[in-house]
Amino acid sequence: MQKLMQQSMIWKKIKKQFQVGLFIAASFFLSFVALHFSEGMLRAIIEEVMGAFIPVIAFTSTLSVLLFNYVDGISKDVTGIEGIKEKIQLAINRLDALKREIIETAVLMIVLLVIELALKGISSSFINNINDSNHLIEWVILSVRFTCFTLSLLAAREQVKGLFVAIEFRSLLFKGKKP
């Protein structure tokens, strides 16, 4: 029974990373298969969809700044509360973890953008020297670029979820304050 509980604790620690890994693999695989079976005809559609990449990065970066400041304000509110020190410290620790996650997501978005732009440049150099064997290389690069885009959408979703958690936390905090 204890071994099962230890495995459960390990699963809790790696579950999110495992899901993100599956998401990345599925995104790459589906885009590559779609390009392969359409013989590249879906390339224009994928590139058009990826036109939303920079706006998604801008939205998520702006949301990260807003969310960080919002969570920082909540942290300051929590430190001013009188009560059970252990619970207050636990709340502060969780808020600090949320702030770290916000910063990590903002950095991830910048890294994804740099990777996508670098791959776009590499891909355009292949287009100049295109022959039939380069189609596979071009499709792999486009699939990786599309994976960066879909990963940015996943990160944006996580930031929005973080905002909802912070709003809920702040409303609980204010409900618990005495007038």
N, C-alpha and C. Protein backbone atom coordinates (compact mmCIF):
# COMPACT_ATOMS: atom_id res chain seq x y z
N MET A 1 0.83 -1.19 0.00
CA MET A 1 0.00 0.00 0.00
C MET A 1 0.88 1.26 0.00
N GLN A 2 1.93 1.23 0.79
CA GLN A 2 2.81 2.39 0.86
C GLN A 2 3.52 2.61 -0.48
N LYS A 3 3.88 1.51 -1.15
CA LYS A 3 4.53 1.64 -2.45
C LYS A 3 3.58 2.30 -3.46
N LEU A 4 2.31 1.96 -3.39
CA LEU A 4 1.31 2.56 -4.26
C LEU A 4 1.18 4.05 -3.97
N MET A 5 1.24 4.42 -2.68
CA MET A 5 1.16 5.83 -2.31
C MET A 5 2.39 6.59 -2.79
N GLN A 6 3.57 5.94 -2.72
CA GLN A 6 4.79 6.59 -3.20
C GLN A 6 4.71 6.81 -4.70
N GLN A 7 4.19 5.81 -5.43
CA GLN A 7 4.03 5.96 -6.87
C GLN A 7 3.03 7.07 -7.18
N SER A 8 1.98 7.16 -6.37
CA SER A 8 0.99 8.20 -6.56
C SER A 8 1.60 9.58 -6.36
N MET A 9 2.47 9.72 -5.37
CA MET A 9 3.15 11.00 -5.12
C MET A 9 4.07 11.36 -6.29
N ILE A 10 4.76 10.35 -6.83
CA ILE A 10 5.63 10.59 -7.98
C ILE A 10 4.79 11.04 -9.17
N TRP A 11 3.64 10.36 -9.38
CA TRP A 11 2.76 10.73 -10.49
C TRP A 11 2.28 12.16 -10.34
N LYS A 12 1.94 12.57 -9.13
CA LYS A 12 1.49 13.95 -8.90
C LYS A 12 2.58 14.95 -9.29
N LYS A 13 3.83 14.59 -9.05
CA LYS A 13 4.94 15.50 -9.35
C LYS A 13 5.23 15.59 -10.84
N ILE A 14 5.05 14.49 -11.57
CA ILE A 14 5.42 14.49 -12.99
C ILE A 14 4.22 14.55 -13.93
N LYS A 15 3.02 14.55 -13.40
CA LYS A 15 1.82 14.49 -14.24
C LYS A 15 1.76 15.64 -15.24
N LYS A 16 1.97 16.86 -14.77
CA LYS A 16 1.88 18.02 -15.66
C LYS A 16 2.96 17.97 -16.74
N GLN A 17 4.19 17.63 -16.38
CA GLN A 17 5.26 17.55 -17.35
C GLN A 17 4.99 16.45 -18.37
N PHE A 18 4.43 15.34 -17.91
CA PHE A 18 4.09 14.23 -18.80
C PHE A 18 3.01 14.66 -19.79
N GLN A 19 2.00 15.36 -19.30
CA GLN A 19 0.93 15.83 -20.18
C GLN A 19 1.45 16.82 -21.21
N VAL A 20 2.33 17.72 -20.80
CA VAL A 20 2.92 18.68 -21.73
C VAL A 20 3.76 17.94 -22.77
N GLY A 21 4.51 16.96 -22.35
CA GLY A 21 5.30 16.16 -23.28
C GLY A 21 4.44 15.45 -24.30
N LEU A 22 3.34 14.87 -23.85
CA LEU A 22 2.40 14.23 -24.78
C LEU A 22 1.80 15.25 -25.74
N PHE A 23 1.48 16.43 -25.22
CA PHE A 23 0.92 17.50 -26.04
C PHE A 23 1.90 17.90 -27.15
N ILE A 24 3.17 18.04 -26.78
CA ILE A 24 4.20 18.41 -27.75
C ILE A 24 4.33 17.32 -28.82
N ALA A 25 4.42 16.06 -28.37
CA ALA A 25 4.56 14.95 -29.32
C ALA A 25 3.34 14.85 -30.24
N ALA A 26 2.15 14.98 -29.69
CA ALA A 26 0.94 14.90 -30.51
C ALA A 26 0.86 16.04 -31.50
N SER A 27 1.21 17.24 -31.08
CA SER A 27 1.18 18.40 -31.96
C SER A 27 2.14 18.21 -33.13
N PHE A 28 3.35 17.79 -32.83
CA PHE A 28 4.33 17.55 -33.89
C PHE A 28 3.86 16.45 -34.83
N PHE A 29 3.45 15.35 -34.25
CA PHE A 29 3.05 14.18 -35.05
C PHE A 29 1.87 14.52 -35.95
N LEU A 30 0.84 15.15 -35.41
CA LEU A 30 -0.35 15.46 -36.20
C LEU A 30 -0.04 16.44 -37.33
N SER A 31 0.76 17.47 -37.04
CA SER A 31 1.08 18.42 -38.11
C SER A 31 1.95 17.77 -39.18
N PHE A 32 2.90 16.95 -38.79
CA PHE A 32 3.75 16.29 -39.78
C PHE A 32 2.95 15.32 -40.63
N VAL A 33 2.10 14.53 -39.99
CA VAL A 33 1.28 13.56 -40.73
C VAL A 33 0.33 14.30 -41.68
N ALA A 34 -0.24 15.41 -41.21
CA ALA A 34 -1.14 16.19 -42.07
C ALA A 34 -0.38 16.72 -43.28
N LEU A 35 0.82 17.22 -43.08
CA LEU A 35 1.63 17.71 -44.20
C LEU A 35 2.02 16.57 -45.14
N HIS A 36 2.39 15.44 -44.56
CA HIS A 36 2.84 14.31 -45.37
C HIS A 36 1.69 13.77 -46.24
N PHE A 37 0.54 13.52 -45.63
CA PHE A 37 -0.57 12.94 -46.38
C PHE A 37 -1.22 13.93 -47.35
N SER A 38 -1.08 15.20 -47.09
CA SER A 38 -1.61 16.20 -48.04
C SER A 38 -0.54 16.59 -49.06
N GLU A 39 0.61 15.95 -48.97
CA GLU A 39 1.75 16.23 -49.83
C GLU A 39 2.12 17.72 -49.79
N GLY A 40 2.01 18.30 -48.60
CA GLY A 40 2.41 19.68 -48.38
C GLY A 40 1.34 20.71 -48.69
N MET A 41 0.17 20.26 -49.12
CA MET A 41 -0.88 21.21 -49.48
C MET A 41 -1.42 21.97 -48.26
N LEU A 42 -1.27 21.41 -47.08
CA LEU A 42 -1.73 22.08 -45.87
C LEU A 42 -0.72 23.09 -45.33
N ARG A 43 0.40 23.20 -45.99
CA ARG A 43 1.45 24.11 -45.54
C ARG A 43 0.95 25.55 -45.42
N ALA A 44 0.24 26.00 -46.44
CA ALA A 44 -0.26 27.38 -46.43
C ALA A 44 -1.24 27.61 -45.28
N ILE A 45 -2.07 26.62 -45.00
CA ILE A 45 -3.05 26.75 -43.91
C ILE A 45 -2.32 26.82 -42.57
N ILE A 46 -1.35 25.94 -42.37
CA ILE A 46 -0.61 25.93 -41.10
C ILE A 46 0.13 27.25 -40.92
N GLU A 47 0.76 27.74 -41.97
CA GLU A 47 1.49 29.01 -41.86
C GLU A 47 0.53 30.17 -41.60
N GLU A 48 -0.66 30.12 -42.19
CA GLU A 48 -1.64 31.19 -41.95
C GLU A 48 -2.11 31.18 -40.50
N VAL A 49 -2.36 30.00 -39.97
CA VAL A 49 -2.75 29.88 -38.55
C VAL A 49 -1.63 30.39 -37.66
N MET A 50 -0.40 30.11 -38.04
CA MET A 50 0.73 30.54 -37.24
C MET A 50 0.94 32.05 -37.27
N GLY A 51 0.19 32.75 -38.13
CA GLY A 51 0.24 34.20 -38.13
C GLY A 51 -0.24 34.78 -36.81
N ALA A 52 -0.96 33.98 -36.04
CA ALA A 52 -1.44 34.42 -34.72
C ALA A 52 -0.38 34.23 -33.64
N PHE A 53 0.78 33.72 -34.00
CA PHE A 53 1.81 33.42 -33.00
C PHE A 53 2.27 34.67 -32.25
N ILE A 54 2.62 35.71 -32.97
CA ILE A 54 3.11 36.92 -32.31
C ILE A 54 2.02 37.57 -31.46
N PRO A 55 0.77 37.66 -31.93
CA PRO A 55 -0.28 38.18 -31.03
C PRO A 55 -0.48 37.33 -29.77
N VAL A 56 -0.35 36.02 -29.89
CA VAL A 56 -0.47 35.16 -28.70
C VAL A 56 0.67 35.45 -27.74
N ILE A 57 1.88 35.62 -28.27
CA ILE A 57 3.04 35.95 -27.43
C ILE A 57 2.82 37.30 -26.75
N ALA A 58 2.34 38.28 -27.50
CA ALA A 58 2.10 39.62 -26.93
C ALA A 58 1.03 39.57 -25.85
N PHE A 59 -0.05 38.85 -26.11
CA PHE A 59 -1.12 38.71 -25.12
C PHE A 59 -0.62 38.05 -23.85
N THR A 60 0.10 36.95 -24.01
CA THR A 60 0.57 36.20 -22.84
C THR A 60 1.61 36.98 -22.07
N SER A 61 2.48 37.70 -22.76
CA SER A 61 3.49 38.52 -22.08
C SER A 61 2.83 39.64 -21.28
N THR A 62 1.85 40.29 -21.89
CA THR A 62 1.12 41.35 -21.19
C THR A 62 0.37 40.79 -20.00
N LEU A 63 -0.27 39.65 -20.21
CA LEU A 63 -0.99 39.00 -19.11
C LEU A 63 -0.04 38.60 -17.99
N SER A 64 1.17 38.19 -18.35
CA SER A 64 2.16 37.81 -17.33
C SER A 64 2.51 38.99 -16.43
N VAL A 65 2.72 40.15 -17.04
CA VAL A 65 3.04 41.34 -16.25
C VAL A 65 1.86 41.69 -15.34
N LEU A 66 0.66 41.69 -15.92
CA LEU A 66 -0.54 42.00 -15.14
C LEU A 66 -0.72 41.01 -14.00
N LEU A 67 -0.60 39.74 -14.31
CA LEU A 67 -0.80 38.69 -13.32
C LEU A 67 0.25 38.75 -12.21
N PHE A 68 1.50 39.00 -12.59
CA PHE A 68 2.55 39.10 -11.58
C PHE A 68 2.25 40.23 -10.61
N ASN A 69 1.89 41.39 -11.13
CA ASN A 69 1.57 42.53 -10.26
C ASN A 69 0.34 42.24 -9.39
N TYR A 70 -0.65 41.56 -9.96
CA TYR A 70 -1.85 41.21 -9.21
C TYR A 70 -1.52 40.26 -8.06
N VAL A 71 -0.75 39.23 -8.35
CA VAL A 71 -0.36 38.26 -7.32
C VAL A 71 0.54 38.91 -6.28
N ASP A 72 1.42 39.81 -6.71
CA ASP A 72 2.27 40.53 -5.77
C ASP A 72 1.42 41.37 -4.82
N GLY A 73 0.39 42.00 -5.33
CA GLY A 73 -0.54 42.76 -4.48
C GLY A 73 -1.26 41.87 -3.48
N ILE A 74 -1.65 40.68 -3.92
CA ILE A 74 -2.29 39.73 -3.01
C ILE A 74 -1.32 39.33 -1.92
N SER A 75 -0.06 39.10 -2.29
CA SER A 75 0.96 38.72 -1.30
C SER A 75 1.10 39.79 -0.22
N LYS A 76 1.07 41.04 -0.64
CA LYS A 76 1.17 42.14 0.33
C LYS A 76 -0.05 42.18 1.23
N ASP A 77 -1.23 41.89 0.65
CA ASP A 77 -2.45 41.83 1.46
C ASP A 77 -2.39 40.71 2.50
N VAL A 78 -1.84 39.57 2.08
CA VAL A 78 -1.77 38.41 2.99
C VAL A 78 -0.82 38.69 4.15
N THR A 79 0.28 39.36 3.88
CA THR A 79 1.24 39.64 4.96
C THR A 79 0.64 40.57 6.02
N GLY A 80 -0.37 41.34 5.64
CA GLY A 80 -1.00 42.24 6.59
C GLY A 80 -2.10 41.60 7.42
N ILE A 81 -2.40 40.34 7.17
CA ILE A 81 -3.48 39.66 7.90
C ILE A 81 -2.93 39.09 9.20
N GLU A 82 -3.72 39.23 10.23
CA GLU A 82 -3.35 38.61 11.50
C GLU A 82 -4.11 37.30 11.61
N GLY A 83 -3.44 36.29 12.11
CA GLY A 83 -4.07 34.99 12.24
C GLY A 83 -3.03 33.93 12.50
N ILE A 84 -3.37 32.72 12.09
CA ILE A 84 -2.48 31.59 12.29
C ILE A 84 -1.27 31.73 11.37
N LYS A 85 -0.11 31.85 11.99
CA LYS A 85 1.13 32.13 11.25
C LYS A 85 1.44 31.05 10.21
N GLU A 86 1.18 29.76 10.55
CA GLU A 86 1.50 28.67 9.63
C GLU A 86 0.66 28.78 8.35
N LYS A 87 -0.62 29.10 8.50
CA LYS A 87 -1.50 29.22 7.34
C LYS A 87 -1.12 30.43 6.49
N ILE A 88 -0.77 31.51 7.14
CA ILE A 88 -0.35 32.71 6.41
C ILE A 88 0.94 32.43 5.64
N GLN A 89 1.88 31.75 6.29
CA GLN A 89 3.14 31.41 5.62
C GLN A 89 2.89 30.47 4.45
N LEU A 90 1.98 29.51 4.61
CA LEU A 90 1.64 28.59 3.52
C LEU A 90 1.05 29.37 2.33
N ALA A 91 0.17 30.32 2.61
CA ALA A 91 -0.42 31.14 1.55
C ALA A 91 0.65 31.96 0.83
N ILE A 92 1.56 32.53 1.59
CA ILE A 92 2.64 33.33 0.99
C ILE A 92 3.54 32.44 0.13
N ASN A 93 3.85 31.23 0.61
CA ASN A 93 4.68 30.31 -0.17
C ASN A 93 4.00 29.92 -1.48
N ARG A 94 2.70 29.68 -1.44
CA ARG A 94 1.97 29.32 -2.66
C ARG A 94 1.91 30.50 -3.63
N LEU A 95 1.74 31.69 -3.10
CA LEU A 95 1.73 32.87 -3.96
C LEU A 95 3.11 33.10 -4.59
N ASP A 96 4.17 32.86 -3.82
CA ASP A 96 5.53 32.97 -4.37
C ASP A 96 5.75 31.94 -5.48
N ALA A 97 5.23 30.72 -5.28
CA ALA A 97 5.34 29.68 -6.32
C ALA A 97 4.59 30.10 -7.58
N LEU A 98 3.43 30.72 -7.40
CA LEU A 98 2.66 31.20 -8.54
C LEU A 98 3.42 32.30 -9.29
N LYS A 99 4.07 33.18 -8.54
CA LYS A 99 4.86 34.24 -9.18
C LYS A 99 6.02 33.64 -9.98
N ARG A 100 6.67 32.62 -9.44
CA ARG A 100 7.76 31.95 -10.17
C ARG A 100 7.22 31.31 -11.46
N GLU A 101 6.06 30.69 -11.36
CA GLU A 101 5.46 30.06 -12.54
C GLU A 101 5.11 31.11 -13.60
N ILE A 102 4.66 32.26 -13.18
CA ILE A 102 4.34 33.35 -14.11
C ILE A 102 5.60 33.78 -14.86
N ILE A 103 6.69 33.95 -14.13
CA ILE A 103 7.96 34.35 -14.75
C ILE A 103 8.46 33.27 -15.70
N GLU A 104 8.36 32.00 -15.27
CA GLU A 104 8.80 30.90 -16.12
C GLU A 104 8.00 30.86 -17.42
N THR A 105 6.71 31.12 -17.35
CA THR A 105 5.87 31.11 -18.55
C THR A 105 6.26 32.25 -19.48
N ALA A 106 6.52 33.42 -18.92
CA ALA A 106 6.94 34.56 -19.76
C ALA A 106 8.26 34.25 -20.46
N VAL A 107 9.19 33.64 -19.76
CA VAL A 107 10.48 33.27 -20.38
C VAL A 107 10.25 32.20 -21.45
N LEU A 108 9.40 31.23 -21.16
CA LEU A 108 9.07 30.19 -22.13
C LEU A 108 8.54 30.80 -23.42
N MET A 109 7.68 31.79 -23.30
CA MET A 109 7.10 32.42 -24.49
C MET A 109 8.19 33.08 -25.34
N ILE A 110 9.13 33.73 -24.70
CA ILE A 110 10.23 34.37 -25.45
C ILE A 110 11.09 33.31 -26.13
N VAL A 111 11.38 32.23 -25.41
CA VAL A 111 12.19 31.15 -25.98
C VAL A 111 11.46 30.53 -27.18
N LEU A 112 10.16 30.29 -27.05
CA LEU A 112 9.39 29.72 -28.16
C LEU A 112 9.42 30.64 -29.38
N LEU A 113 9.30 31.93 -29.14
CA LEU A 113 9.34 32.89 -30.24
C LEU A 113 10.69 32.86 -30.94
N VAL A 114 11.78 32.84 -30.18
CA VAL A 114 13.12 32.81 -30.78
C VAL A 114 13.32 31.51 -31.58
N ILE A 115 12.89 30.39 -31.01
CA ILE A 115 13.03 29.11 -31.71
C ILE A 115 12.23 29.13 -33.01
N GLU A 116 11.00 29.61 -32.94
CA GLU A 116 10.13 29.64 -34.12
C GLU A 116 10.72 30.52 -35.21
N LEU A 117 11.21 31.69 -34.84
CA LEU A 117 11.79 32.60 -35.83
C LEU A 117 13.08 32.03 -36.43
N ALA A 118 13.89 31.38 -35.61
CA ALA A 118 15.12 30.76 -36.12
C ALA A 118 14.78 29.64 -37.11
N LEU A 119 13.80 28.83 -36.76
CA LEU A 119 13.39 27.75 -37.66
C LEU A 119 12.76 28.29 -38.95
N LYS A 120 12.06 29.39 -38.83
CA LYS A 120 11.47 30.03 -40.02
C LYS A 120 12.59 30.46 -40.97
N GLY A 121 13.66 31.02 -40.43
CA GLY A 121 14.81 31.42 -41.25
C GLY A 121 15.49 30.22 -41.89
N ILE A 122 15.66 29.14 -41.12
CA ILE A 122 16.26 27.92 -41.66
C ILE A 122 15.38 27.36 -42.77
N SER A 123 14.09 27.35 -42.55
CA SER A 123 13.15 26.84 -43.54
C SER A 123 13.20 27.64 -44.83
N SER A 124 13.28 28.95 -44.71
CA SER A 124 13.32 29.78 -45.92
C SER A 124 14.60 29.53 -46.71
N SER A 125 15.67 29.15 -46.06
CA SER A 125 16.90 28.83 -46.80
C SER A 125 16.74 27.51 -47.56
N PHE A 126 15.90 26.59 -47.05
CA PHE A 126 15.63 25.35 -47.77
C PHE A 126 14.74 25.60 -48.98
N ILE A 127 13.85 26.55 -48.89
CA ILE A 127 12.94 26.83 -50.00
C ILE A 127 13.73 27.29 -51.22
N ASN A 128 14.81 28.03 -51.02
CA ASN A 128 15.63 28.50 -52.14
C ASN A 128 16.32 27.35 -52.87
N ASN A 129 16.64 26.30 -52.17
CA ASN A 129 17.33 25.15 -52.76
C ASN A 129 16.45 23.91 -52.73
N ILE A 130 15.18 24.06 -53.10
CA ILE A 130 14.22 22.99 -52.92
C ILE A 130 14.40 21.88 -53.97
N ASN A 131 14.28 20.68 -53.50
CA ASN A 131 14.09 19.52 -54.36
C ASN A 131 13.22 18.53 -53.57
N ASP A 132 12.91 17.42 -54.15
CA ASP A 132 11.95 16.51 -53.51
C ASP A 132 12.40 16.01 -52.14
N SER A 133 13.68 15.79 -51.94
CA SER A 133 14.15 15.28 -50.65
C SER A 133 14.05 16.33 -49.55
N ASN A 134 14.07 17.62 -49.92
CA ASN A 134 13.99 18.67 -48.92
C ASN A 134 12.59 18.88 -48.37
N HIS A 135 11.57 18.33 -49.06
CA HIS A 135 10.20 18.48 -48.55
C HIS A 135 10.06 17.90 -47.15
N LEU A 136 10.66 16.76 -46.92
CA LEU A 136 10.55 16.15 -45.59
C LEU A 136 11.21 17.03 -44.54
N ILE A 137 12.37 17.57 -44.86
CA ILE A 137 13.06 18.46 -43.92
C ILE A 137 12.22 19.70 -43.66
N GLU A 138 11.66 20.25 -44.74
CA GLU A 138 10.81 21.44 -44.61
C GLU A 138 9.58 21.14 -43.75
N TRP A 139 8.98 19.97 -43.93
CA TRP A 139 7.80 19.60 -43.15
C TRP A 139 8.14 19.37 -41.69
N VAL A 140 9.32 18.80 -41.43
CA VAL A 140 9.74 18.61 -40.04
C VAL A 140 9.91 19.98 -39.37
N ILE A 141 10.58 20.90 -40.08
CA ILE A 141 10.79 22.24 -39.52
C ILE A 141 9.45 22.94 -39.29
N LEU A 142 8.55 22.85 -40.27
CA LEU A 142 7.23 23.47 -40.11
C LEU A 142 6.46 22.83 -38.96
N SER A 143 6.60 21.54 -38.79
CA SER A 143 5.92 20.85 -37.68
C SER A 143 6.47 21.30 -36.33
N VAL A 144 7.77 21.50 -36.25
CA VAL A 144 8.36 22.00 -35.00
C VAL A 144 7.89 23.43 -34.74
N ARG A 145 7.83 24.24 -35.78
CA ARG A 145 7.33 25.62 -35.64
C ARG A 145 5.88 25.60 -35.16
N PHE A 146 5.07 24.72 -35.75
CA PHE A 146 3.67 24.62 -35.35
C PHE A 146 3.55 24.13 -33.91
N THR A 147 4.44 23.24 -33.51
CA THR A 147 4.46 22.76 -32.13
C THR A 147 4.79 23.91 -31.18
N CYS A 148 5.72 24.78 -31.55
CA CYS A 148 6.01 25.97 -30.73
C CYS A 148 4.76 26.83 -30.58
N PHE A 149 4.03 27.00 -31.68
CA PHE A 149 2.80 27.79 -31.65
C PHE A 149 1.75 27.16 -30.72
N THR A 150 1.53 25.86 -30.88
CA THR A 150 0.51 25.22 -30.03
C THR A 150 0.94 25.20 -28.57
N LEU A 151 2.23 25.08 -28.33
CA LEU A 151 2.72 25.14 -26.95
C LEU A 151 2.51 26.53 -26.35
N SER A 152 2.63 27.57 -27.19
CA SER A 152 2.36 28.93 -26.71
C SER A 152 0.88 29.09 -26.37
N LEU A 153 0.01 28.44 -27.13
CA LEU A 153 -1.43 28.48 -26.80
C LEU A 153 -1.69 27.79 -25.46
N LEU A 154 -1.02 26.67 -25.23
CA LEU A 154 -1.17 25.97 -23.97
C LEU A 154 -0.67 26.83 -22.81
N ALA A 155 0.44 27.50 -23.00
CA ALA A 155 0.99 28.37 -21.95
C ALA A 155 0.06 29.55 -21.70
N ALA A 156 -0.53 30.10 -22.76
CA ALA A 156 -1.48 31.21 -22.60
C ALA A 156 -2.69 30.75 -21.80
N ARG A 157 -3.16 29.55 -22.10
CA ARG A 157 -4.29 28.99 -21.33
C ARG A 157 -3.94 28.85 -19.85
N GLU A 158 -2.73 28.41 -19.57
CA GLU A 158 -2.31 28.27 -18.18
C GLU A 158 -2.23 29.62 -17.48
N GLN A 159 -1.79 30.66 -18.19
CA GLN A 159 -1.74 32.00 -17.60
C GLN A 159 -3.15 32.49 -17.27
N VAL A 160 -4.08 32.26 -18.17
CA VAL A 160 -5.47 32.67 -17.92
C VAL A 160 -6.03 31.91 -16.73
N LYS A 161 -5.74 30.62 -16.65
CA LYS A 161 -6.18 29.84 -15.49
C LYS A 161 -5.56 30.39 -14.20
N GLY A 162 -4.30 30.79 -14.27
CA GLY A 162 -3.62 31.39 -13.12
C GLY A 162 -4.29 32.68 -12.68
N LEU A 163 -4.74 33.47 -13.66
CA LEU A 163 -5.46 34.70 -13.34
C LEU A 163 -6.75 34.39 -12.60
N PHE A 164 -7.49 33.39 -13.07
CA PHE A 164 -8.74 33.01 -12.39
C PHE A 164 -8.48 32.54 -10.96
N VAL A 165 -7.41 31.78 -10.77
CA VAL A 165 -7.05 31.33 -9.42
C VAL A 165 -6.71 32.52 -8.53
N ALA A 166 -5.96 33.47 -9.07
CA ALA A 166 -5.59 34.66 -8.29
C ALA A 166 -6.81 35.49 -7.93
N ILE A 167 -7.74 35.64 -8.86
CA ILE A 167 -8.97 36.39 -8.58
C ILE A 167 -9.78 35.69 -7.50
N GLU A 168 -9.88 34.37 -7.59
CA GLU A 168 -10.61 33.61 -6.57
C GLU A 168 -9.92 33.72 -5.22
N PHE A 169 -8.59 33.66 -5.21
CA PHE A 169 -7.83 33.76 -3.97
C PHE A 169 -8.06 35.12 -3.31
N ARG A 170 -8.02 36.17 -4.12
CA ARG A 170 -8.22 37.51 -3.58
C ARG A 170 -9.65 37.67 -3.03
N SER A 171 -10.64 37.11 -3.71
CA SER A 171 -12.02 37.24 -3.21
C SER A 171 -12.18 36.45 -1.92
N LEU A 172 -11.54 35.31 -1.80
CA LEU A 172 -11.58 34.56 -0.53
C LEU A 172 -10.88 35.34 0.57
N LEU A 173 -9.81 36.00 0.21
CA LEU A 173 -9.06 36.79 1.18
C LEU A 173 -9.92 37.93 1.72
N PHE A 174 -10.62 38.60 0.84
CA PHE A 174 -11.45 39.73 1.27
C PHE A 174 -12.70 39.27 2.02
N LYS A 175 -13.20 38.08 1.70
CA LYS A 175 -14.34 37.54 2.44
C LYS A 175 -13.94 37.22 3.87
N GLY A 176 -12.68 36.82 4.05
CA GLY A 176 -12.20 36.45 5.38
C GLY A 176 -11.79 37.63 6.24
N LYS A 177 -11.65 38.82 5.64
CA LYS A 177 -11.25 39.99 6.42
C LYS A 177 -12.45 40.52 7.21
N LYS A 178 -12.14 41.03 8.36
CA LYS A 178 -13.19 41.64 9.19
C LYS A 178 -13.28 43.12 8.82
N PRO A 179 -14.52 43.65 8.69
CA PRO A 179 -14.68 45.06 8.34
C PRO A 179 -14.23 46.01 9.44
